[in-house]
Amino acid sequence: MKTLRDVRIGETCKVVRLHGEGAVKRRIMDMGITRNVEIYVRKVAPLGDPIEVNVRGYELSLRKADADMIEVEE
């Protein structure tokens, strides 16, 4: 299983599944991250947290813990 946290800078991936439950999963979905959406990893902060991505035409910063809940494929 590959997660969004494993995707390198400059790569695009497709969301396969969201892990997590309740409010955390709902918050991720409210940000526009749903199944089959493409995510482009723009940059990662020097210490690795947060990760900046492009989703549905806008920029979004995600914590590593949230990125671990997003299963992707390339």
N, C-alpha and C. Protein backbone atom coordinates (compact mmCIF):
# COMPACT_ATOMS: atom_id res chain seq x y z
N MET A 1 0.84 -1.18 0.00
CA MET A 1 0.00 0.00 0.00
C MET A 1 0.88 1.24 0.00
N LYS A 2 0.64 2.14 -0.92
CA LYS A 2 1.38 3.39 -1.01
C LYS A 2 0.47 4.52 -0.56
N THR A 3 1.01 5.42 0.26
CA THR A 3 0.22 6.56 0.73
C THR A 3 0.75 7.84 0.12
N LEU A 4 -0.01 8.91 0.28
CA LEU A 4 0.40 10.21 -0.25
C LEU A 4 1.73 10.66 0.35
N ARG A 5 2.00 10.22 1.55
CA ARG A 5 3.27 10.58 2.20
C ARG A 5 4.48 10.01 1.46
N ASP A 6 4.30 8.90 0.74
CA ASP A 6 5.39 8.24 0.02
C ASP A 6 5.66 8.84 -1.36
N VAL A 7 4.78 9.69 -1.86
CA VAL A 7 4.93 10.25 -3.21
C VAL A 7 6.01 11.33 -3.19
N ARG A 8 6.86 11.30 -4.20
CA ARG A 8 7.97 12.26 -4.27
C ARG A 8 7.52 13.60 -4.85
N ILE A 9 8.32 14.62 -4.61
CA ILE A 9 8.06 15.96 -5.14
C ILE A 9 8.05 15.90 -6.67
N GLY A 10 7.06 16.55 -7.27
CA GLY A 10 6.96 16.60 -8.73
C GLY A 10 6.17 15.45 -9.34
N GLU A 11 5.70 14.52 -8.54
CA GLU A 11 4.94 13.39 -9.05
C GLU A 11 3.44 13.62 -8.87
N THR A 12 2.67 13.00 -9.74
CA THR A 12 1.21 13.04 -9.66
C THR A 12 0.72 11.65 -9.32
N CYS A 13 -0.29 11.57 -8.49
CA CYS A 13 -0.86 10.28 -8.12
C CYS A 13 -2.38 10.39 -8.10
N LYS A 14 -3.03 9.24 -8.00
CA LYS A 14 -4.49 9.18 -7.98
C LYS A 14 -4.93 8.53 -6.67
N VAL A 15 -5.93 9.11 -6.03
CA VAL A 15 -6.42 8.59 -4.75
C VAL A 15 -7.21 7.30 -4.99
N VAL A 16 -6.85 6.27 -4.25
CA VAL A 16 -7.52 4.98 -4.33
C VAL A 16 -8.53 4.83 -3.20
N ARG A 17 -8.12 5.22 -2.00
CA ARG A 17 -8.96 5.00 -0.82
C ARG A 17 -8.54 5.94 0.30
N LEU A 18 -9.51 6.33 1.12
CA LEU A 18 -9.24 7.13 2.31
C LEU A 18 -9.39 6.24 3.54
N HIS A 19 -8.38 6.24 4.38
CA HIS A 19 -8.44 5.50 5.63
C HIS A 19 -8.81 6.48 6.74
N GLY A 20 -9.05 5.98 7.90
CA GLY A 20 -9.46 6.85 9.00
C GLY A 20 -10.98 6.82 9.15
N GLU A 21 -11.45 7.42 10.22
CA GLU A 21 -12.88 7.37 10.49
C GLU A 21 -13.40 8.71 11.01
N GLY A 22 -14.68 8.87 10.91
CA GLY A 22 -15.37 9.99 11.51
C GLY A 22 -14.93 11.35 11.02
N ALA A 23 -14.68 12.25 11.97
CA ALA A 23 -14.39 13.65 11.67
C ALA A 23 -13.12 13.82 10.85
N VAL A 24 -12.12 12.99 11.08
CA VAL A 24 -10.86 13.12 10.34
C VAL A 24 -11.07 12.81 8.86
N LYS A 25 -11.75 11.73 8.58
CA LYS A 25 -12.04 11.36 7.19
C LYS A 25 -12.92 12.42 6.53
N ARG A 26 -13.91 12.91 7.23
CA ARG A 26 -14.80 13.95 6.69
C ARG A 26 -14.02 15.22 6.37
N ARG A 27 -13.07 15.59 7.23
CA ARG A 27 -12.27 16.80 7.00
C ARG A 27 -11.44 16.66 5.73
N ILE A 28 -10.84 15.49 5.53
CA ILE A 28 -10.04 15.24 4.33
C ILE A 28 -10.93 15.33 3.09
N MET A 29 -12.12 14.74 3.15
CA MET A 29 -13.03 14.79 2.02
C MET A 29 -13.52 16.21 1.75
N ASP A 30 -13.72 16.99 2.80
CA ASP A 30 -14.16 18.38 2.64
C ASP A 30 -13.10 19.23 1.94
N MET A 31 -11.84 18.82 2.03
CA MET A 31 -10.75 19.54 1.35
C MET A 31 -10.70 19.19 -0.14
N GLY A 32 -11.57 18.30 -0.59
CA GLY A 32 -11.60 17.95 -2.00
C GLY A 32 -10.85 16.68 -2.34
N ILE A 33 -10.34 15.99 -1.34
CA ILE A 33 -9.60 14.75 -1.58
C ILE A 33 -10.58 13.59 -1.47
N THR A 34 -11.00 13.09 -2.63
CA THR A 34 -11.93 11.97 -2.71
C THR A 34 -11.36 10.93 -3.66
N ARG A 35 -12.01 9.79 -3.75
CA ARG A 35 -11.54 8.71 -4.61
C ARG A 35 -11.44 9.16 -6.07
N ASN A 36 -10.39 8.73 -6.74
CA ASN A 36 -10.11 8.97 -8.16
C ASN A 36 -9.66 10.39 -8.49
N VAL A 37 -9.49 11.25 -7.50
CA VAL A 37 -8.99 12.60 -7.79
C VAL A 37 -7.47 12.54 -7.91
N GLU A 38 -6.91 13.37 -8.82
CA GLU A 38 -5.46 13.41 -8.99
C GLU A 38 -4.85 14.46 -8.07
N ILE A 39 -3.70 14.11 -7.50
CA ILE A 39 -2.98 15.00 -6.59
C ILE A 39 -1.56 15.15 -7.09
N TYR A 40 -1.11 16.40 -7.21
CA TYR A 40 0.27 16.70 -7.61
C TYR A 40 1.02 17.18 -6.37
N VAL A 41 2.13 16.52 -6.04
CA VAL A 41 2.93 16.91 -4.87
C VAL A 41 3.87 18.03 -5.30
N ARG A 42 3.63 19.22 -4.77
CA ARG A 42 4.37 20.41 -5.17
C ARG A 42 5.67 20.57 -4.41
N LYS A 43 5.60 20.49 -3.08
CA LYS A 43 6.82 20.58 -2.28
C LYS A 43 6.58 20.05 -0.87
N VAL A 44 7.69 19.80 -0.20
CA VAL A 44 7.65 19.31 1.17
C VAL A 44 8.49 20.24 2.02
N ALA A 45 8.02 20.58 3.20
CA ALA A 45 8.76 21.46 4.10
C ALA A 45 10.10 20.81 4.48
N PRO A 46 11.09 21.61 4.85
CA PRO A 46 12.42 21.08 5.15
C PRO A 46 12.44 19.94 6.18
N LEU A 47 11.58 19.99 7.16
CA LEU A 47 11.54 18.93 8.16
C LEU A 47 10.51 17.86 7.82
N GLY A 48 9.93 17.94 6.62
CA GLY A 48 9.01 16.93 6.15
C GLY A 48 7.54 17.15 6.48
N ASP A 49 7.24 18.18 7.22
CA ASP A 49 5.85 18.42 7.61
C ASP A 49 5.57 19.91 7.55
N PRO A 50 4.65 20.42 6.82
CA PRO A 50 3.62 19.75 6.02
C PRO A 50 4.06 19.48 4.58
N ILE A 51 3.16 18.83 3.84
CA ILE A 51 3.34 18.53 2.43
C ILE A 51 2.41 19.45 1.66
N GLU A 52 2.91 20.13 0.63
CA GLU A 52 2.07 21.01 -0.17
C GLU A 52 1.71 20.32 -1.47
N VAL A 53 0.41 20.25 -1.76
CA VAL A 53 -0.08 19.55 -2.94
C VAL A 53 -1.06 20.43 -3.72
N ASN A 54 -1.27 20.08 -4.98
CA ASN A 54 -2.31 20.71 -5.79
C ASN A 54 -3.43 19.69 -5.97
N VAL A 55 -4.65 20.10 -5.60
CA VAL A 55 -5.83 19.24 -5.71
C VAL A 55 -6.95 20.07 -6.33
N ARG A 56 -7.54 19.58 -7.41
CA ARG A 56 -8.67 20.25 -8.05
C ARG A 56 -8.41 21.72 -8.35
N GLY A 57 -7.17 22.05 -8.70
CA GLY A 57 -6.84 23.41 -9.10
C GLY A 57 -6.48 24.36 -7.97
N TYR A 58 -6.35 23.88 -6.75
CA TYR A 58 -5.92 24.78 -5.67
C TYR A 58 -4.82 24.12 -4.85
N GLU A 59 -4.06 24.95 -4.13
CA GLU A 59 -2.96 24.45 -3.31
C GLU A 59 -3.46 24.13 -1.91
N LEU A 60 -2.92 23.06 -1.37
CA LEU A 60 -3.36 22.58 -0.06
C LEU A 60 -2.15 22.07 0.70
N SER A 61 -2.07 22.37 1.97
CA SER A 61 -1.00 21.84 2.83
C SER A 61 -1.60 20.79 3.75
N LEU A 62 -0.94 19.64 3.79
CA LEU A 62 -1.41 18.52 4.61
C LEU A 62 -0.33 18.09 5.59
N ARG A 63 -0.75 17.72 6.78
CA ARG A 63 0.20 17.15 7.74
C ARG A 63 0.55 15.74 7.29
N LYS A 64 1.72 15.26 7.74
CA LYS A 64 2.13 13.90 7.39
C LYS A 64 1.13 12.88 7.91
N ALA A 65 0.57 13.11 9.07
CA ALA A 65 -0.40 12.18 9.65
C ALA A 65 -1.64 12.06 8.75
N ASP A 66 -2.07 13.18 8.17
CA ASP A 66 -3.22 13.14 7.26
C ASP A 66 -2.84 12.48 5.93
N ALA A 67 -1.62 12.75 5.44
CA ALA A 67 -1.16 12.16 4.19
C ALA A 67 -1.05 10.64 4.30
N ASP A 68 -0.78 10.14 5.49
CA ASP A 68 -0.69 8.69 5.72
C ASP A 68 -2.05 8.00 5.57
N MET A 69 -3.13 8.76 5.70
CA MET A 69 -4.47 8.18 5.61
C MET A 69 -4.99 8.10 4.18
N ILE A 70 -4.21 8.64 3.24
CA ILE A 70 -4.65 8.70 1.84
C ILE A 70 -3.88 7.68 1.02
N GLU A 71 -4.54 6.60 0.63
CA GLU A 71 -3.91 5.55 -0.17
C GLU A 71 -3.97 5.97 -1.65
N VAL A 72 -2.82 5.88 -2.35
CA VAL A 72 -2.73 6.35 -3.73
C VAL A 72 -2.12 5.30 -4.64
N GLU A 73 -2.26 5.54 -5.94
CA GLU A 73 -1.56 4.77 -6.97
C GLU A 73 -1.01 5.76 -7.97
N GLU A 74 0.06 5.38 -8.64
CA GLU A 74 0.67 6.31 -9.59
C GLU A 74 0.17 6.09 -10.98
